Amino acid sequence: VQLQAFGGGLVQNGGSLGLSCKASGRTFRNYIMGWFRQAPGKEREFVAAINRSGGVTYYADFVKGRFTISRDNAKNTLYLQMNSLKPEDTAVYYCAADKNSGSRIQSLVSAYDYWGQGTLVTVSS
């Protein structure tokens, strides 16, 4: 599967931004999907993930209550709605697909098999 992320940009502290990730092919519904981010000089870190049907989600503690992950399998698209953004949320955001983890949602970078190119989110203070 090929993934392409959209929607990054510059937003003020406390603002909102929505990201999308469009997947190619007809197998999108077979993958657990996740969002990760990487700030300058830091390692890539888990943000959120969602199971194949979209009924189960999992979030990193630092985004709980602020970010919402969702998916539309009919449109082969993954979403991340980000509210109450903070300067520390500034990073390149990546979508990723996990084909091998069964029903268990993973937060490890190494568990994901396919990655989008990333989209930059900058939150000004």
Protein backbone atom coordinates (compact mmCIF):
# COMPACT_ATOMS: atom_id res chain seq x y z
CA VAL A 1 0.00 0.00 0.00
CA GLN A 2 1.18 3.54 -0.71
CA LEU A 3 0.35 6.29 1.73
CA GLN A 4 0.27 10.03 1.24
CA ALA A 5 -0.30 12.49 4.07
CA PHE A 6 -1.92 15.89 3.67
CA GLY A 7 -2.98 18.82 5.75
CA GLY A 8 0.06 20.10 7.58
CA GLY A 9 0.72 23.77 8.01
CA LEU A 10 1.27 26.64 10.41
CA VAL A 11 -1.19 27.16 13.24
CA GLN A 12 -1.20 29.29 16.36
CA ASN A 13 -0.93 27.97 19.88
CA GLY A 14 -4.33 26.61 20.89
CA GLY A 15 -5.48 26.21 17.31
CA SER A 16 -6.72 23.20 15.36
CA LEU A 17 -5.59 21.33 12.30
CA GLY A 18 -6.79 18.23 10.50
CA LEU A 19 -4.51 15.75 8.75
CA SER A 20 -5.48 13.20 6.13
CA CYS A 21 -3.70 10.15 4.79
CA LYS A 22 -4.82 8.70 1.50
CA ALA A 23 -3.99 5.07 0.78
CA SER A 24 -3.73 3.46 -2.60
CA GLY A 25 -5.12 0.06 -3.46
CA ARG A 26 -8.12 -1.90 -2.26
CA THR A 27 -6.62 -3.37 0.91
CA PHE A 28 -6.72 -0.32 3.19
CA ARG A 29 -9.32 -1.96 5.39
CA ASN A 30 -6.89 -4.82 6.11
CA TYR A 31 -4.40 -2.61 7.94
CA ILE A 32 -4.20 -1.23 11.41
CA MET A 33 -3.31 2.42 10.85
CA GLY A 34 -1.29 4.82 12.93
CA TRP A 35 0.00 8.35 13.15
CA PHE A 36 3.51 9.10 14.33
CA ARG A 37 5.53 12.29 14.56
CA GLN A 38 9.13 13.35 14.57
CA ALA A 39 10.37 16.67 15.89
CA PRO A 40 13.78 18.06 14.89
CA GLY A 41 16.55 16.21 16.67
CA LYS A 42 14.19 13.69 18.23
CA GLU A 43 13.17 10.15 17.51
CA ARG A 44 9.95 9.29 15.77
CA GLU A 45 7.19 8.75 18.33
CA PHE A 46 3.74 7.22 18.42
CA VAL A 47 0.74 9.54 18.38
CA ALA A 48 -2.37 7.45 17.76
CA ALA A 49 -3.60 4.28 16.08
CA ILE A 50 -6.87 2.72 15.00
CA ASN A 51 -7.98 -0.82 14.31
CA ARG A 52 -9.21 -2.10 10.97
CA SER A 53 -12.88 -1.35 11.48
CA GLY A 54 -12.29 1.99 13.17
CA GLY A 55 -14.00 0.90 16.34
CA VAL A 56 -10.95 0.83 18.57
CA THR A 57 -8.45 3.64 19.01
CA TYR A 58 -5.32 4.12 21.07
CA TYR A 59 -3.52 7.36 21.92
CA ALA A 60 -0.26 8.51 23.37
CA ASP A 61 -0.83 10.14 26.75
CA PHE A 62 0.34 13.53 25.56
CA VAL A 63 -2.48 13.79 22.97
CA LYS A 64 -5.37 12.24 24.84
CA GLY A 65 -8.35 14.54 24.86
CA ARG A 66 -6.84 16.77 22.17
CA PHE A 67 -6.37 14.55 19.09
CA THR A 68 -8.85 12.21 17.42
CA ILE A 69 -7.94 9.48 14.96
CA SER A 70 -10.52 8.10 12.57
CA ARG A 71 -10.75 6.31 9.25
CA ASP A 72 -13.08 5.93 6.32
CA ASN A 73 -12.47 2.56 4.69
CA ALA A 74 -14.77 3.39 1.78
CA LYS A 75 -12.51 6.34 0.95
CA ASN A 76 -9.21 4.62 1.84
CA THR A 77 -8.45 7.55 4.11
CA LEU A 78 -7.09 7.96 7.61
CA TYR A 79 -7.62 11.16 9.59
CA LEU A 80 -6.13 12.94 12.57
CA GLN A 81 -8.01 15.88 14.03
CA MET A 82 -5.75 17.92 16.26
CA ASN A 83 -7.21 20.46 18.69
CA SER A 84 -5.67 22.62 21.41
CA LEU A 85 -2.34 22.46 19.65
CA LYS A 86 0.80 23.39 21.54
CA PRO A 87 4.24 24.48 20.31
CA GLU A 88 5.61 21.12 21.46
CA ASP A 89 3.31 19.43 18.91
CA THR A 90 5.50 20.89 16.15
CA ALA A 91 6.82 17.97 14.11
CA VAL A 92 6.59 16.10 10.85
CA TYR A 93 3.58 13.82 11.10
CA TYR A 94 3.60 10.45 9.39
CA CYS A 95 0.83 7.97 8.71
CA ALA A 96 1.69 4.29 8.75
CA ALA A 97 0.11 0.91 8.07
CA ASP A 98 0.57 -2.30 10.05
CA LYS A 99 -0.30 -5.48 8.20
CA ASN A 100 1.01 -8.12 10.59
CA SER A 101 -0.16 -7.45 14.14
CA GLY A 102 -3.47 -9.29 14.05
CA SER A 103 -6.04 -7.46 16.12
CA ARG A 104 -3.59 -5.84 18.50
CA ILE A 105 -2.92 -2.14 18.04
CA GLN A 106 0.80 -1.43 18.21
CA SER A 107 2.61 1.74 19.22
CA LEU A 108 6.09 0.69 18.17
CA VAL A 109 7.58 2.27 15.06
CA SER A 110 9.02 -1.11 14.12
CA ALA A 111 5.56 -2.72 14.00
CA TYR A 112 4.48 -0.65 11.01
CA ASP A 113 5.28 -1.80 7.51
CA TYR A 114 4.36 1.10 5.25
CA TRP A 115 4.89 4.83 5.75
CA GLY A 116 3.71 8.01 4.13
CA GLN A 117 6.07 10.83 3.27
CA GLY A 118 5.14 13.03 6.23
CA THR A 119 3.52 16.42 6.54
CA LEU A 120 4.92 19.28 8.63
CA VAL A 121 2.87 20.78 11.43
CA THR A 122 4.21 23.95 12.99
CA VAL A 123 2.56 25.45 16.06
CA SER A 124 3.61 29.01 16.82
CA SER A 125 3.78 30.28 20.38
